[in-house]
Amino acid sequence: MNPGVIVLIAAVTALLMPGPPVRGDTASRAAMAALERRFEEMDANGDGRISRAEYLAYERRKANERFDAADGNKDGFITRKEAEGAMKRREEEIRARMRRWKRTEEKKRRQGPVPKGP
């Protein structure tokens, strides 16, 4: 199978696949907000729909960004060492994001429930 097709299938699956189980309404709203941002970024002409061309342009742009981030010496190639470094940096970014999220959730928990409207 063509590697481009495999990437496309994986990307569509990731976009449409439900995320991990969420706790309460806050996580659901955050996930929906992230989906909305991604959708708007893909919908280049703003018509409320994502065409194949828009989707592929978005994926190509993201792939180029990931490649550029991994190509440490900017020679147009990614060595195994550069790939490992990129993977480690990405893992640390995810861990840092999770730590920030946990601190925010803990702070919310300590403050108690937010009162609903009148």
PDB file of N, CA and C in Angstrom:
ATOM      1  N   MET A   1       0.848  -1.183   0.000  1.00  0.00           N
ATOM      2  CA  MET A   1       0.000   0.000   0.000  1.00  0.00           C
ATOM      3  C   MET A   1       0.890   1.240   0.000  1.00  0.00           C
ATOM      4  N   ASN A   2       0.460   2.255  -0.710  1.00  0.00           N
ATOM      5  CA  ASN A   2       1.189   3.524  -0.811  1.00  0.00           C
ATOM      6  C   ASN A   2       1.328   4.155   0.573  1.00  0.00           C
ATOM      7  N   PRO A   3       2.559   4.583   0.970  1.00  0.00           N
ATOM      8  CA  PRO A   3       2.737   5.207   2.293  1.00  0.00           C
ATOM      9  C   PRO A   3       1.856   6.430   2.497  1.00  0.00           C
ATOM     10  N   GLY A   4       1.612   7.196   1.433  1.00  0.00           N
ATOM     11  CA  GLY A   4       0.742   8.364   1.552  1.00  0.00           C
ATOM     12  C   GLY A   4      -0.672   7.976   1.931  1.00  0.00           C
ATOM     13  N   VAL A   5      -1.148   6.864   1.367  1.00  0.00           N
ATOM     14  CA  VAL A   5      -2.493   6.381   1.693  1.00  0.00           C
ATOM     15  C   VAL A   5      -2.545   5.934   3.146  1.00  0.00           C
ATOM     16  N   ILE A   6      -1.494   5.285   3.605  1.00  0.00           N
ATOM     17  CA  ILE A   6      -1.445   4.835   5.002  1.00  0.00           C
ATOM     18  C   ILE A   6      -1.499   6.030   5.938  1.00  0.00           C
ATOM     19  N   VAL A   7      -0.731   7.083   5.622  1.00  0.00           N
ATOM     20  CA  VAL A   7      -0.740   8.291   6.451  1.00  0.00           C
ATOM     21  C   VAL A   7      -2.124   8.918   6.446  1.00  0.00           C
ATOM     22  N   LEU A   8      -2.755   8.983   5.277  1.00  0.00           N
ATOM     23  CA  LEU A   8      -4.091   9.559   5.171  1.00  0.00           C
ATOM     24  C   LEU A   8      -5.094   8.772   6.008  1.00  0.00           C
ATOM     25  N   ILE A   9      -5.052   7.462   5.917  1.00  0.00           N
ATOM     26  CA  ILE A   9      -5.966   6.624   6.695  1.00  0.00           C
ATOM     27  C   ILE A   9      -5.738   6.835   8.188  1.00  0.00           C
ATOM     28  N   ALA A  10      -4.474   6.875   8.600  1.00  0.00           N
ATOM     29  CA  ALA A  10      -4.167   7.080  10.019  1.00  0.00           C
ATOM     30  C   ALA A  10      -4.651   8.441  10.489  1.00  0.00           C
ATOM     31  N   ALA A  11      -4.461   9.456   9.666  1.00  0.00           N
ATOM     32  CA  ALA A  11      -4.872  10.808  10.052  1.00  0.00           C
ATOM     33  C   ALA A  11      -6.387  10.924  10.150  1.00  0.00           C
ATOM     34  N   VAL A  12      -7.103  10.364   9.180  1.00  0.00           N
ATOM     35  CA  VAL A  12      -8.571  10.407   9.231  1.00  0.00           C
ATOM     36  C   VAL A  12      -9.064   9.643  10.441  1.00  0.00           C
ATOM     37  N   THR A  13      -8.468   8.497  10.697  1.00  0.00           N
ATOM     38  CA  THR A  13      -8.856   7.708  11.863  1.00  0.00           C
ATOM     39  C   THR A  13      -8.641   8.496  13.140  1.00  0.00           C
ATOM     40  N   ALA A  14      -7.493   9.163  13.258  1.00  0.00           N
ATOM     41  CA  ALA A  14      -7.209   9.957  14.458  1.00  0.00           C
ATOM     42  C   ALA A  14      -8.188  11.112  14.601  1.00  0.00           C
ATOM     43  N   LEU A  15      -8.564  11.731  13.483  1.00  0.00           N
ATOM     44  CA  LEU A  15      -9.491  12.856  13.530  1.00  0.00           C
ATOM     45  C   LEU A  15     -10.879  12.413  13.968  1.00  0.00           C
ATOM     46  N   LEU A  16     -11.313  11.254  13.468  1.00  0.00           N
ATOM     47  CA  LEU A  16     -12.678  10.806  13.727  1.00  0.00           C
ATOM     48  C   LEU A  16     -12.810   9.917  14.953  1.00  0.00           C
ATOM     49  N   MET A  17     -11.700   9.403  15.426  1.00  0.00           N
ATOM     50  CA  MET A  17     -11.722   8.469  16.541  1.00  0.00           C
ATOM     51  C   MET A  17     -12.042   9.185  17.854  1.00  0.00           C
ATOM     52  N   PRO A  18     -12.918   8.613  18.654  1.00  0.00           N
ATOM     53  CA  PRO A  18     -13.184   9.255  19.939  1.00  0.00           C
ATOM     54  C   PRO A  18     -11.942   9.208  20.811  1.00  0.00           C
ATOM     55  N   GLY A  19     -11.792  10.219  21.624  1.00  0.00           N
ATOM     56  CA  GLY A  19     -10.649  10.278  22.523  1.00  0.00           C
ATOM     57  C   GLY A  19     -10.830   9.330  23.692  1.00  0.00           C
ATOM     58  N   PRO A  20      -9.926   9.411  24.652  1.00  0.00           N
ATOM     59  CA  PRO A  20     -10.046   8.564  25.825  1.00  0.00           C
ATOM     60  C   PRO A  20     -11.274   8.958  26.627  1.00  0.00           C
ATOM     61  N   PRO A  21     -11.737   8.060  27.487  1.00  0.00           N
ATOM     62  CA  PRO A  21     -12.884   8.408  28.310  1.00  0.00           C
ATOM     63  C   PRO A  21     -12.616   9.708  29.060  1.00  0.00           C
ATOM     64  N   VAL A  22     -13.612  10.544  29.151  1.00  0.00           N
ATOM     65  CA  VAL A  22     -13.435  11.832  29.798  1.00  0.00           C
ATOM     66  C   VAL A  22     -14.222  11.887  31.089  1.00  0.00           C
ATOM     67  N   ARG A  23     -13.706  12.718  32.016  1.00  0.00           N
ATOM     68  CA  ARG A  23     -14.380  12.896  33.302  1.00  0.00           C
ATOM     69  C   ARG A  23     -15.169  14.183  33.240  1.00  0.00           C
ATOM     70  N   GLY A  24     -16.430  14.066  33.330  1.00  0.00           N
ATOM     71  CA  GLY A  24     -17.265  15.244  33.447  1.00  0.00           C
ATOM     72  C   GLY A  24     -17.334  16.087  32.195  1.00  0.00           C
ATOM     73  N   ASP A  25     -18.048  17.167  32.297  1.00  0.00           N
ATOM     74  CA  ASP A  25     -18.331  18.042  31.182  1.00  0.00           C
ATOM     75  C   ASP A  25     -17.120  18.857  30.761  1.00  0.00           C
ATOM     76  N   THR A  26     -16.223  19.197  31.673  1.00  0.00           N
ATOM     77  CA  THR A  26     -15.080  20.054  31.354  1.00  0.00           C
ATOM     78  C   THR A  26     -14.191  19.421  30.289  1.00  0.00           C
ATOM     79  N   ALA A  27     -13.843  18.163  30.457  1.00  0.00           N
ATOM     80  CA  ALA A  27     -12.988  17.505  29.477  1.00  0.00           C
ATOM     81  C   ALA A  27     -13.696  17.406  28.135  1.00  0.00           C
ATOM     82  N   SER A  28     -14.982  17.148  28.141  1.00  0.00           N
ATOM     83  CA  SER A  28     -15.725  17.062  26.894  1.00  0.00           C
ATOM     84  C   SER A  28     -15.697  18.396  26.171  1.00  0.00           C
ATOM     85  N   ARG A  29     -15.876  19.473  26.890  1.00  0.00           N
ATOM     86  CA  ARG A  29     -15.840  20.798  26.273  1.00  0.00           C
ATOM     87  C   ARG A  29     -14.449  21.098  25.729  1.00  0.00           C
ATOM     88  N   ALA A  30     -13.427  20.711  26.464  1.00  0.00           N
ATOM     89  CA  ALA A  30     -12.058  20.950  26.004  1.00  0.00           C
ATOM     90  C   ALA A  30     -11.774  20.148  24.733  1.00  0.00           C
ATOM     91  N   ALA A  31     -12.212  18.903  24.694  1.00  0.00           N
ATOM     92  CA  ALA A  31     -12.012  18.068  23.511  1.00  0.00           C
ATOM     93  C   ALA A  31     -12.772  18.645  22.318  1.00  0.00           C
ATOM     94  N   MET A  32     -13.985  19.094  22.546  1.00  0.00           N
ATOM     95  CA  MET A  32     -14.772  19.671  21.462  1.00  0.00           C
ATOM     96  C   MET A  32     -14.142  20.977  20.969  1.00  0.00           C
ATOM     97  N   ALA A  33     -13.596  21.773  21.871  1.00  0.00           N
ATOM     98  CA  ALA A  33     -12.938  23.017  21.479  1.00  0.00           C
ATOM     99  C   ALA A  33     -11.709  22.716  20.618  1.00  0.00           C
ATOM    100  N   ALA A  34     -10.949  21.678  20.996  1.00  0.00           N
ATOM    101  CA  ALA A  34      -9.774  21.288  20.210  1.00  0.00           C
ATOM    102  C   ALA A  34     -10.195  20.806  18.827  1.00  0.00           C
ATOM    103  N   LEU A  35     -11.261  20.029  18.767  1.00  0.00           N
ATOM    104  CA  LEU A  35     -11.761  19.553  17.485  1.00  0.00           C
ATOM    105  C   LEU A  35     -12.210  20.727  16.619  1.00  0.00           C
ATOM    106  N   GLU A  36     -12.891  21.680  17.214  1.00  0.00           N
ATOM    107  CA  GLU A  36     -13.361  22.853  16.482  1.00  0.00           C
ATOM    108  C   GLU A  36     -12.178  23.647  15.914  1.00  0.00           C
ATOM    109  N   ARG A  37     -11.137  23.844  16.717  1.00  0.00           N
ATOM    110  CA  ARG A  37      -9.956  24.568  16.235  1.00  0.00           C
ATOM    111  C   ARG A  37      -9.315  23.843  15.055  1.00  0.00           C
ATOM    112  N   ARG A  38      -9.181  22.525  15.173  1.00  0.00           N
ATOM    113  CA  ARG A  38      -8.574  21.739  14.103  1.00  0.00           C
ATOM    114  C   ARG A  38      -9.444  21.799  12.846  1.00  0.00           C
ATOM    115  N   PHE A  39     -10.751  21.692  13.022  1.00  0.00           N
ATOM    116  CA  PHE A  39     -11.661  21.742  11.884  1.00  0.00           C
ATOM    117  C   PHE A  39     -11.535  23.079  11.166  1.00  0.00           C
ATOM    118  N   GLU A  40     -11.523  24.171  11.929  1.00  0.00           N
ATOM    119  CA  GLU A  40     -11.408  25.495  11.324  1.00  0.00           C
ATOM    120  C   GLU A  40     -10.083  25.666  10.598  1.00  0.00           C
ATOM    121  N   GLU A  41      -9.023  25.084  11.149  1.00  0.00           N
ATOM    122  CA  GLU A  41      -7.722  25.168  10.499  1.00  0.00           C
ATOM    123  C   GLU A  41      -7.726  24.395   9.178  1.00  0.00           C
ATOM    124  N   MET A  42      -8.420  23.264   9.141  1.00  0.00           N
ATOM    125  CA  MET A  42      -8.486  22.463   7.914  1.00  0.00           C
ATOM    126  C   MET A  42      -9.387  23.107   6.869  1.00  0.00           C
ATOM    127  N   ASP A  43     -10.463  23.745   7.306  1.00  0.00           N
ATOM    128  CA  ASP A  43     -11.459  24.326   6.402  1.00  0.00           C
ATOM    129  C   ASP A  43     -10.935  25.651   5.850  1.00  0.00           C
ATOM    130  N   ALA A  44     -10.019  25.556   4.893  1.00  0.00           N
ATOM    131  CA  ALA A  44      -9.301  26.724   4.379  1.00  0.00           C
ATOM    132  C   ALA A  44     -10.218  27.776   3.767  1.00  0.00           C
ATOM    133  N   ASN A  45     -11.300  27.362   3.107  1.00  0.00           N
ATOM    134  CA  ASN A  45     -12.168  28.343   2.463  1.00  0.00           C
ATOM    135  C   ASN A  45     -13.346  28.761   3.347  1.00  0.00           C
ATOM    136  N   GLY A  46     -13.431  28.204   4.562  1.00  0.00           N
ATOM    137  CA  GLY A  46     -14.444  28.629   5.523  1.00  0.00           C
ATOM    138  C   GLY A  46     -15.867  28.270   5.172  1.00  0.00           C
ATOM    139  N   ASP A  47     -16.074  27.231   4.363  1.00  0.00           N
ATOM    140  CA  ASP A  47     -17.436  26.881   3.967  1.00  0.00           C
ATOM    141  C   ASP A  47     -18.108  25.883   4.912  1.00  0.00           C
ATOM    142  N   GLY A  48     -17.424  25.537   6.010  1.00  0.00           N
ATOM    143  CA  GLY A  48     -18.011  24.615   6.980  1.00  0.00           C
ATOM    144  C   GLY A  48     -17.856  23.149   6.611  1.00  0.00           C
ATOM    145  N   ARG A  49     -17.113  22.889   5.552  1.00  0.00           N
ATOM    146  CA  ARG A  49     -16.853  21.513   5.116  1.00  0.00           C
ATOM    147  C   ARG A  49     -15.364  21.388   4.797  1.00  0.00           C
ATOM    148  N   ILE A  50     -14.846  20.181   4.960  1.00  0.00           N
ATOM    149  CA  ILE A  50     -13.445  19.927   4.631  1.00  0.00           C
ATOM    150  C   ILE A  50     -13.411  19.070   3.378  1.00  0.00           C
ATOM    151  N   SER A  51     -12.867  19.629   2.307  1.00  0.00           N
ATOM    152  CA  SER A  51     -12.723  18.859   1.067  1.00  0.00           C
ATOM    153  C   SER A  51     -11.488  17.974   1.168  1.00  0.00           C
ATOM    154  N   ARG A  52     -11.390  17.039   0.267  1.00  0.00           N
ATOM    155  CA  ARG A  52     -10.199  16.185   0.212  1.00  0.00           C
ATOM    156  C   ARG A  52      -8.954  17.054   0.024  1.00  0.00           C
ATOM    157  N   ALA A  53      -9.045  18.044  -0.861  1.00  0.00           N
ATOM    158  CA  ALA A  53      -7.894  18.914  -1.124  1.00  0.00           C
ATOM    159  C   ALA A  53      -7.498  19.689   0.130  1.00  0.00           C
ATOM    160  N   GLU A  54      -8.481  20.211   0.872  1.00  0.00           N
ATOM    161  CA  GLU A  54      -8.178  20.945   2.107  1.00  0.00           C
ATOM    162  C   GLU A  54      -7.545  20.016   3.135  1.00  0.00           C
ATOM    163  N   TYR A  55      -8.093  18.819   3.240  1.00  0.00           N
ATOM    164  CA  TYR A  55      -7.569  17.851   4.198  1.00  0.00           C
ATOM    165  C   TYR A  55      -6.124  17.490   3.866  1.00  0.00           C
ATOM    166  N   LEU A  56      -5.872  17.195   2.588  1.00  0.00           N
ATOM    167  CA  LEU A  56      -4.522  16.817   2.190  1.00  0.00           C
ATOM    168  C   LEU A  56      -3.545  17.977   2.349  1.00  0.00           C
ATOM    169  N   ALA A  57      -3.979  19.197   2.053  1.00  0.00           N
ATOM    170  CA  ALA A  57      -3.110  20.373   2.234  1.00  0.00           C
ATOM    171  C   ALA A  57      -2.753  20.536   3.711  1.00  0.00           C
ATOM    172  N   TYR A  58      -3.737  20.356   4.595  1.00  0.00           N
ATOM    173  CA  TYR A  58      -3.497  20.451   6.039  1.00  0.00           C
ATOM    174  C   TYR A  58      -2.497  19.379   6.484  1.00  0.00           C
ATOM    175  N   GLU A  59      -2.720  18.150   6.059  1.00  0.00           N
ATOM    176  CA  GLU A  59      -1.835  17.050   6.454  1.00  0.00           C
ATOM    177  C   GLU A  59      -0.424  17.261   5.908  1.00  0.00           C
ATOM    178  N   ARG A  60      -0.319  17.760   4.674  1.00  0.00           N
ATOM    179  CA  ARG A  60       1.002  18.025   4.089  1.00  0.00           C
ATOM    180  C   ARG A  60       1.719  19.106   4.901  1.00  0.00           C
ATOM    181  N   ARG A  61       0.993  20.168   5.266  1.00  0.00           N
ATOM    182  CA  ARG A  61       1.585  21.253   6.068  1.00  0.00           C
ATOM    183  C   ARG A  61       2.065  20.722   7.411  1.00  0.00           C
ATOM    184  N   LYS A  62       1.228  19.920   8.071  1.00  0.00           N
ATOM    185  CA  LYS A  62       1.608  19.356   9.373  1.00  0.00           C
ATOM    186  C   LYS A  62       2.792  18.403   9.232  1.00  0.00           C
ATOM    187  N   ALA A  63       2.796  17.593   8.160  1.00  0.00           N
ATOM    188  CA  ALA A  63       3.918  16.670   7.933  1.00  0.00           C
ATOM    189  C   ALA A  63       5.209  17.456   7.711  1.00  0.00           C
ATOM    190  N   ASN A  64       5.128  18.544   6.956  1.00  0.00           N
ATOM    191  CA  ASN A  64       6.308  19.389   6.745  1.00  0.00           C
ATOM    192  C   ASN A  64       6.798  19.996   8.053  1.00  0.00           C
ATOM    193  N   GLU A  65       5.856  20.427   8.901  1.00  0.00           N
ATOM    194  CA  GLU A  65       6.240  20.982  10.202  1.00  0.00           C
ATOM    195  C   GLU A  65       6.936  19.929  11.054  1.00  0.00           C
ATOM    196  N   ARG A  66       6.380  18.694  11.069  1.00  0.00           N
ATOM    197  CA  ARG A  66       6.996  17.625  11.855  1.00  0.00           C
ATOM    198  C   ARG A  66       8.379  17.271  11.309  1.00  0.00           C
ATOM    199  N   PHE A  67       8.493  17.232   9.975  1.00  0.00           N
ATOM    200  CA  PHE A  67       9.792  16.925   9.367  1.00  0.00           C
ATOM    201  C   PHE A  67      10.813  17.997   9.739  1.00  0.00           C
ATOM    202  N   ASP A  68      10.430  19.265   9.579  1.00  0.00           N
ATOM    203  CA  ASP A  68      11.344  20.361   9.898  1.00  0.00           C
ATOM    204  C   ASP A  68      11.766  20.329  11.361  1.00  0.00           C
ATOM    205  N   ALA A  69      10.838  19.984  12.247  1.00  0.00           N
ATOM    206  CA  ALA A  69      11.163  19.914  13.671  1.00  0.00           C
ATOM    207  C   ALA A  69      12.150  18.774  13.948  1.00  0.00           C
ATOM    208  N   ALA A  70      12.024  17.679  13.203  1.00  0.00           N
ATOM    209  CA  ALA A  70      12.896  16.523  13.432  1.00  0.00           C
ATOM    210  C   ALA A  70      14.266  16.679  12.771  1.00  0.00           C
ATOM    211  N   ASP A  71      14.327  17.414  11.670  1.00  0.00           N
ATOM    212  CA  ASP A  71      15.580  17.582  10.928  1.00  0.00           C
ATOM    213  C   ASP A  71      16.448  18.620  11.634  1.00  0.00           C
ATOM    214  N   GLY A  72      17.111  18.179  12.686  1.00  0.00           N
ATOM    215  CA  GLY A  72      17.865  19.074  13.556  1.00  0.00           C
ATOM    216  C   GLY A  72      18.916  19.911  12.865  1.00  0.00           C
ATOM    217  N   ASN A  73      19.666  19.343  11.934  1.00  0.00           N
ATOM    218  CA  ASN A  73      20.731  20.104  11.267  1.00  0.00           C
ATOM    219  C   ASN A  73      20.266  20.721   9.944  1.00  0.00           C
ATOM    220  N   LYS A  74      18.984  20.578   9.627  1.00  0.00           N
ATOM    221  CA  LYS A  74      18.359  21.206   8.452  1.00  0.00           C
ATOM    222  C   LYS A  74      19.048  20.839   7.140  1.00  0.00           C
ATOM    223  N   ASP A  75      19.451  19.563   7.032  1.00  0.00           N
ATOM    224  CA  ASP A  75      20.096  19.119   5.798  1.00  0.00           C
ATOM    225  C   ASP A  75      19.127  18.424   4.846  1.00  0.00           C
ATOM    226  N   GLY A  76      17.848  18.376   5.208  1.00  0.00           N
ATOM    227  CA  GLY A  76      16.856  17.748   4.351  1.00  0.00           C
ATOM    228  C   GLY A  76      16.707  16.254   4.568  1.00  0.00           C
ATOM    229  N   PHE A  77      17.363  15.736   5.587  1.00  0.00           N
ATOM    230  CA  PHE A  77      17.281  14.313   5.923  1.00  0.00           C
ATOM    231  C   PHE A  77      17.085  14.180   7.434  1.00  0.00           C
ATOM    232  N   ILE A  78      16.430  13.101   7.822  1.00  0.00           N
ATOM    233  CA  ILE A  78      16.274  12.802   9.250  1.00  0.00           C
ATOM    234  C   ILE A  78      17.048  11.529   9.538  1.00  0.00           C
ATOM    235  N   THR A  79      18.031  11.650  10.408  1.00  0.00           N
ATOM    236  CA  THR A  79      18.791  10.468  10.821  1.00  0.00           C
ATOM    237  C   THR A  79      18.046   9.787  11.969  1.00  0.00           C
ATOM    238  N   ARG A  80      18.457   8.583  12.267  1.00  0.00           N
ATOM    239  CA  ARG A  80      17.842   7.876  13.392  1.00  0.00           C
ATOM    240  C   ARG A  80      18.017   8.677  14.679  1.00  0.00           C
ATOM    241  N   LYS A  81      19.198   9.267  14.857  1.00  0.00           N
ATOM    242  CA  LYS A  81      19.467  10.066  16.060  1.00  0.00           C
ATOM    243  C   LYS A  81      18.526  11.271  16.128  1.00  0.00           C
ATOM    244  N   GLU A  82      18.319  11.947  14.997  1.00  0.00           N
ATOM    245  CA  GLU A  82      17.400  13.083  14.970  1.00  0.00           C
ATOM    246  C   GLU A  82      15.969  12.633  15.257  1.00  0.00           C
ATOM    247  N   ALA A  83      15.581  11.482  14.697  1.00  0.00           N
ATOM    248  CA  ALA A  83      14.231  10.963  14.922  1.00  0.00           C
ATOM    249  C   ALA A  83      14.018  10.633  16.393  1.00  0.00           C
ATOM    250  N   GLU A  84      15.019  10.021  17.004  1.00  0.00           N
ATOM    251  CA  GLU A  84      14.917   9.700  18.428  1.00  0.00           C
ATOM    252  C   GLU A  84      14.815  10.976  19.260  1.00  0.00           C
ATOM    253  N   GLY A  85      15.611  11.980  18.905  1.00  0.00           N
ATOM    254  CA  GLY A  85      15.551  13.259  19.617  1.00  0.00           C
ATOM    255  C   GLY A  85      14.186  13.912  19.478  1.00  0.00           C
ATOM    256  N   ALA A  86      13.635  13.886  18.266  1.00  0.00           N
ATOM    257  CA  ALA A  86      12.307  14.467  18.036  1.00  0.00           C
ATOM    258  C   ALA A  86      11.252  13.732  18.845  1.00  0.00           C
ATOM    259  N   MET A  87      11.360  12.409  18.893  1.00  0.00           N
ATOM    260  CA  MET A  87      10.397  11.619  19.655  1.00  0.00           C
ATOM    261  C   MET A  87      10.491  11.960  21.146  1.00  0.00           C
ATOM    262  N   LYS A  88      11.685  12.080  21.661  1.00  0.00           N
ATOM    263  CA  LYS A  88      11.862  12.416  23.077  1.00  0.00           C
ATOM    264  C   LYS A  88      11.315  13.808  23.383  1.00  0.00           C
ATOM    265  N   ARG A  89      11.583  14.766  22.494  1.00  0.00           N
ATOM    266  CA  ARG A  89      11.040  16.121  22.694  1.00  0.00           C
ATOM    267  C   ARG A  89       9.516  16.103  22.690  1.00  0.00           C
ATOM    268  N   ARG A  90       8.931  15.357  21.775  1.00  0.00           N
ATOM    269  CA  ARG A  90       7.457  15.268  21.692  1.00  0.00           C
ATOM    270  C   ARG A  90       6.892  14.632  22.962  1.00  0.00           C
ATOM    271  N   GLU A  91       7.523  13.571  23.444  1.00  0.00           N
ATOM    272  CA  GLU A  91       7.065  12.925  24.672  1.00  0.00           C
ATOM    273  C   GLU A  91       7.124  13.898  25.843  1.00  0.00           C
ATOM    274  N   GLU A  92       8.195  14.682  25.932  1.00  0.00           N
ATOM    275  CA  GLU A  92       8.314  15.649  27.028  1.00  0.00           C
ATOM    276  C   GLU A  92       7.265  16.740  26.906  1.00  0.00           C
ATOM    277  N   GLU A  93       6.968  17.178  25.686  1.00  0.00           N
ATOM    278  CA  GLU A  93       5.899  18.167  25.496  1.00  0.00           C
ATOM    279  C   GLU A  93       4.561  17.623  25.997  1.00  0.00           C
ATOM    280  N   ILE A  94       4.293  16.370  25.692  1.00  0.00           N
ATOM    281  CA  ILE A  94       3.038  15.747  26.129  1.00  0.00           C
ATOM    282  C   ILE A  94       3.005  15.636  27.648  1.00  0.00           C
ATOM    283  N   ARG A  95       4.127  15.213  28.246  1.00  0.00           N
ATOM    284  CA  ARG A  95       4.186  15.115  29.712  1.00  0.00           C
ATOM    285  C   ARG A  95       3.967  16.483  30.357  1.00  0.00           C
ATOM    286  N   ALA A  96       4.601  17.518  29.805  1.00  0.00           N
ATOM    287  CA  ALA A  96       4.444  18.869  30.353  1.00  0.00           C
ATOM    288  C   ALA A  96       2.997  19.321  30.248  1.00  0.00           C
ATOM    289  N   ARG A  97       2.351  19.041  29.120  1.00  0.00           N
ATOM    290  CA  ARG A  97       0.947  19.401  28.952  1.00  0.00           C
ATOM    291  C   ARG A  97       0.067  18.677  29.970  1.00  0.00           C
ATOM    292  N   MET A  98       0.369  17.408  30.193  1.00  0.00           N
ATOM    293  CA  MET A  98      -0.404  16.639  31.179  1.00  0.00           C
ATOM    294  C   MET A  98      -0.192  17.193  32.591  1.00  0.00           C
ATOM    295  N   ARG A  99       1.053  17.573  32.911  1.00  0.00           N
ATOM    296  CA  ARG A  99       1.303  18.151  34.235  1.00  0.00           C
ATOM    297  C   ARG A  99       0.514  19.448  34.414  1.00  0.00           C
ATOM    298  N   ARG A 100       0.494  20.301  33.389  1.00  0.00           N
ATOM    299  CA  ARG A 100      -0.282  21.547  33.467  1.00  0.00           C
ATOM    300  C   ARG A 100      -1.770  21.256  33.617  1.00  0.00           C
ATOM    301  N   TRP A 101      -2.258  20.281  32.860  1.00  0.00           N
ATOM    302  CA  TRP A 101      -3.673  19.921  32.942  1.00  0.00           C
ATOM    303  C   TRP A 101      -4.015  19.403  34.345  1.00  0.00           C
ATOM    304  N   LYS A 102      -3.146  18.553  34.882  1.00  0.00           N
ATOM    305  CA  LYS A 102      -3.395  18.008  36.225  1.00  0.00           C
ATOM    306  C   LYS A 102      -3.407  19.110  37.269  1.00  0.00           C
ATOM    307  N   ARG A 103      -2.478  20.063  37.175  1.00  0.00           N
ATOM    308  CA  ARG A 103      -2.468  21.183  38.132  1.00  0.00           C
ATOM    309  C   ARG A 103      -3.759  21.986  38.030  1.00  0.00           C
ATOM    310  N   THR A 104      -4.205  22.237  36.808  1.00  0.00           N
ATOM    311  CA  THR A 104      -5.441  22.993  36.601  1.00  0.00           C
ATOM    312  C   THR A 104      -6.626  22.236  37.187  1.00  0.00           C
ATOM    313  N   GLU A 105      -6.703  20.945  36.926  1.00  0.00           N
ATOM    314  CA  GLU A 105      -7.812  20.134  37.449  1.00  0.00           C
ATOM    315  C   GLU A 105      -7.788  20.080  38.978  1.00  0.00           C
ATOM    316  N   GLU A 106      -6.594  19.948  39.557  1.00  0.00           N
ATOM    317  CA  GLU A 106      -6.470  19.919  41.014  1.00  0.00           C
ATOM    318  C   GLU A 106      -6.919  21.249  41.610  1.00  0.00           C
ATOM    319  N   LYS A 107      -6.540  22.339  40.970  1.00  0.00           N
ATOM    320  CA  LYS A 107      -6.954  23.661  41.441  1.00  0.00           C
ATOM    321  C   LYS A 107      -8.473  23.788  41.384  1.00  0.00           C
ATOM    322  N   LYS A 108      -9.078  23.335  40.302  1.00  0.00           N
ATOM    323  CA  LYS A 108     -10.543  23.371  40.170  1.00  0.00           C
ATOM    324  C   LYS A 108     -11.198  22.520  41.254  1.00  0.00           C
ATOM    325  N   ARG A 109     -10.620  21.346  41.516  1.00  0.00           N
ATOM    326  CA  ARG A 109     -11.186  20.442  42.523  1.00  0.00           C
ATOM    327  C   ARG A 109     -11.157  21.088  43.906  1.00  0.00           C
ATOM    328  N   ARG A 110     -10.033  21.753  44.226  1.00  0.00           N
ATOM    329  CA  ARG A 110      -9.917  22.412  45.531  1.00  0.00           C
ATOM    330  C   ARG A 110     -10.892  23.580  45.661  1.00  0.00           C
ATOM    331  N   GLN A 111     -11.189  24.255  44.561  1.00  0.00           N
ATOM    332  CA  GLN A 111     -12.089  25.402  44.606  1.00  0.00           C
ATOM    333  C   GLN A 111     -13.552  24.983  44.708  1.00  0.00           C
ATOM    334  N   GLY A 112     -13.825  23.737  44.412  1.00  0.00           N
ATOM    335  CA  GLY A 112     -15.199  23.244  44.509  1.00  0.00           C
ATOM    336  C   GLY A 112     -15.988  23.500  43.223  1.00  0.00           C
ATOM    337  N   PRO A 113     -17.228  23.050  43.219  1.00  0.00           N
ATOM    338  CA  PRO A 113     -18.041  23.184  42.003  1.00  0.00           C
ATOM    339  C   PRO A 113     -18.367  24.648  41.707  1.00  0.00           C
ATOM    340  N   VAL A 114     -18.457  24.942  40.432  1.00  0.00           N
ATOM    341  CA  VAL A 114     -18.825  26.274  39.995  1.00  0.00           C
ATOM    342  C   VAL A 114     -20.342  26.391  40.068  1.00  0.00           C
ATOM    343  N   PRO A 115     -20.840  27.411  40.753  1.00  0.00           N
ATOM    344  CA  PRO A 115     -22.303  27.542  40.857  1.00  0.00           C
ATOM    345  C   PRO A 115     -22.918  27.757  39.480  1.00  0.00           C
ATOM    346  N   LYS A 116     -24.052  27.120  39.257  1.00  0.00           N
ATOM    347  CA  LYS A 116     -24.764  27.281  37.992  1.00  0.00           C
ATOM    348  C   LYS A 116     -25.567  28.578  38.056  1.00  0.00           C
ATOM    349  N   GLY A 117     -26.035  29.013  36.903  1.00  0.00           N
ATOM    350  CA  GLY A 117     -26.792  30.267  36.779  1.00  0.00           C
ATOM    351  C   GLY A 117     -27.965  30.384  37.746  1.00  0.00           C
ATOM    352  N   PRO A 118     -28.663  31.530  37.679  1.00  0.00           N
ATOM    353  CA  PRO A 118     -29.754  31.819  38.629  1.00  0.00           C
ATOM    354  C   PRO A 118     -30.870  30.853  38.629  1.00  0.00           C
TER     355      PRO A 118
END
